């Protein structure tokens, strides 16, 4: 499984990479702009990501805006929805509006920080990625 971890906090990126590396190959980026660059490059090289984790609150482009841009690209390039990356929001934000907004944008699951191996595993099971491992 190919995984892209997007979080502006170095400690969070490092912890997520340590937790997710047992499930696949992980790339990490500190912002939404680089996330889109990695996303586009992965598609152009015909090795798209299976899972993309996003933080909501990042400087520049936030997680919701990244999802919008990725969705726009997939629609413009006629990517089959079954071949799209699963999106996992991982953030400190815990209010119901942020959670619901994430799901409306197309997020497949939502984890509140701090992240543990257990809640990562539950999220991967919820979005159907554990059966592929």
Protein backbone atom coordinates (compact mmCIF):
# COMPACT_ATOMS: atom_id res chain seq x y z
CA UNK A 1 0.00 0.00 0.00
CA UNK A 2 1.23 3.51 -0.86
CA UNK A 3 0.54 6.12 1.81
CA UNK A 4 0.87 9.91 1.74
CA UNK A 5 0.98 11.64 5.13
CA UNK A 6 0.17 15.37 5.10
CA UNK A 7 0.69 17.30 8.33
CA UNK A 8 2.43 20.59 9.07
CA UNK A 9 3.70 19.35 12.44
CA UNK A 10 7.01 17.45 12.19
CA UNK A 11 6.35 15.34 15.30
CA UNK A 12 2.92 14.31 14.02
CA UNK A 13 4.34 13.39 10.59
CA UNK A 14 7.09 11.35 12.16
CA UNK A 15 4.72 9.52 14.52
CA UNK A 16 2.24 8.79 11.73
CA UNK A 17 5.02 7.46 9.53
CA UNK A 18 6.17 5.15 12.34
CA UNK A 19 2.61 3.90 12.90
CA UNK A 20 1.67 3.52 9.23
CA UNK A 21 4.94 2.12 7.88
CA UNK A 22 3.89 -1.37 8.96
CA UNK A 23 1.01 -1.13 6.43
CA UNK A 24 2.96 0.18 3.45
CA UNK A 25 5.41 2.65 1.96
CA UNK A 26 4.96 6.15 3.38
CA UNK A 27 5.77 9.56 1.94
CA UNK A 28 5.42 12.61 4.16
CA UNK A 29 4.86 16.26 3.29
CA UNK A 30 4.39 19.34 5.52
CA UNK A 31 1.71 21.18 3.54
CA UNK A 32 -1.17 20.96 1.11
CA UNK A 33 0.72 22.37 -1.85
CA UNK A 34 3.34 19.59 -1.67
CA UNK A 35 0.58 17.05 -1.08
CA UNK A 36 -0.96 17.99 -4.42
CA UNK A 37 2.43 17.80 -6.12
CA UNK A 38 3.07 14.29 -4.72
CA UNK A 39 -0.51 13.25 -5.57
CA UNK A 40 -0.15 14.43 -9.19
CA UNK A 41 3.30 12.87 -9.58
CA UNK A 42 2.07 9.54 -8.24
CA UNK A 43 -0.71 9.51 -10.81
CA UNK A 44 1.59 10.56 -13.65
CA UNK A 45 3.93 7.68 -12.72
CA UNK A 46 0.94 5.27 -12.58
CA UNK A 47 1.52 4.48 -8.89
CA UNK A 48 -1.23 6.43 -7.11
CA UNK A 49 -1.61 6.49 -3.35
CA UNK A 50 -3.96 4.04 -1.68
CA UNK A 51 -4.27 6.12 1.51
CA UNK A 52 -3.81 9.83 2.14
CA UNK A 53 -3.88 11.17 5.69
CA UNK A 54 -4.58 14.88 6.12
CA UNK A 55 -4.55 17.40 8.93
CA UNK A 56 -7.35 19.96 8.71
CA UNK A 57 -5.54 22.97 10.14
CA UNK A 58 -2.40 23.70 8.10
CA UNK A 59 -0.97 27.03 6.96
CA UNK A 60 -1.62 27.84 3.32
CA UNK A 61 -3.93 25.17 1.98
CA UNK A 62 -5.88 23.33 4.70
CA UNK A 63 -6.89 19.67 4.56
CA UNK A 64 -10.37 20.39 3.25
CA UNK A 65 -8.96 22.48 0.40
CA UNK A 66 -6.53 19.69 -0.48
CA UNK A 67 -9.43 17.22 -0.71
CA UNK A 68 -11.29 19.66 -3.00
CA UNK A 69 -8.29 19.99 -5.33
CA UNK A 70 -7.69 16.23 -5.43
CA UNK A 71 -11.36 15.61 -6.21
CA UNK A 72 -11.32 18.22 -8.97
CA UNK A 73 -8.23 16.58 -10.51
CA UNK A 74 -9.78 13.11 -10.35
CA UNK A 75 -12.99 14.36 -12.01
CA UNK A 76 -11.08 16.20 -14.73
CA UNK A 77 -9.01 13.08 -15.41
CA UNK A 78 -11.99 10.73 -15.19
CA UNK A 79 -10.50 8.63 -12.40
CA UNK A 80 -12.89 5.86 -11.37
CA UNK A 81 -14.08 6.48 -7.78
CA UNK A 82 -13.20 2.88 -6.88
CA UNK A 83 -9.57 3.65 -7.76
CA UNK A 84 -9.37 6.85 -5.69
CA UNK A 85 -7.21 7.01 -2.60
CA UNK A 86 -8.94 6.54 0.74
CA UNK A 87 -8.82 9.78 2.73
CA UNK A 88 -8.22 9.75 6.47
CA UNK A 89 -8.46 13.02 8.38
CA UNK A 90 -6.15 13.07 11.40
CA UNK A 91 -6.46 16.26 13.42
CA UNK A 92 -6.74 17.82 16.84
CA UNK A 93 -10.05 19.47 15.83
CA UNK A 94 -12.91 17.75 17.61
CA UNK A 95 -15.99 19.88 16.99
CA UNK A 96 -18.87 18.33 15.11
CA UNK A 97 -18.77 20.88 12.28
CA UNK A 98 -15.15 19.99 11.39
CA UNK A 99 -15.95 16.29 11.53
CA UNK A 100 -19.08 16.57 9.39
CA UNK A 101 -17.38 18.92 6.94
CA UNK A 102 -14.58 16.37 6.49
CA UNK A 103 -17.04 13.63 5.61
CA UNK A 104 -18.98 15.94 3.26
CA UNK A 105 -15.73 16.69 1.44
CA UNK A 106 -15.13 12.98 0.84
CA UNK A 107 -13.08 11.89 3.82
CA UNK A 108 -13.51 8.17 4.56
CA UNK A 109 -12.72 8.30 8.29
CA UNK A 110 -11.62 10.74 11.00
CA UNK A 111 -9.14 10.27 13.86
CA UNK A 112 -8.72 12.74 16.69
CA UNK A 113 -5.13 13.27 17.85
CA UNK A 114 -3.32 11.80 19.66
CA UNK A 115 -3.04 8.91 17.24
CA UNK A 116 -2.43 5.36 18.44
CA UNK A 117 -1.75 2.09 16.64
CA UNK A 118 -5.17 0.94 17.77
CA UNK A 119 -7.15 3.84 16.28
CA UNK A 120 -5.11 3.64 13.06
CA UNK A 121 -5.99 -0.04 12.74
CA UNK A 122 -9.69 0.61 13.42
CA UNK A 123 -9.75 3.39 10.79
CA UNK A 124 -8.05 1.16 8.20
CA UNK A 125 -10.59 -1.56 8.93
CA UNK A 126 -13.46 0.96 8.67
CA UNK A 127 -12.36 2.14 5.24
CA UNK A 128 -11.65 -1.35 3.94
CA UNK A 129 -7.87 -1.24 3.68
CA UNK A 130 -7.07 -3.99 6.17
CA UNK A 131 -8.50 -6.67 3.90
CA UNK A 132 -5.89 -5.74 1.27
CA UNK A 133 -2.98 -6.42 3.61
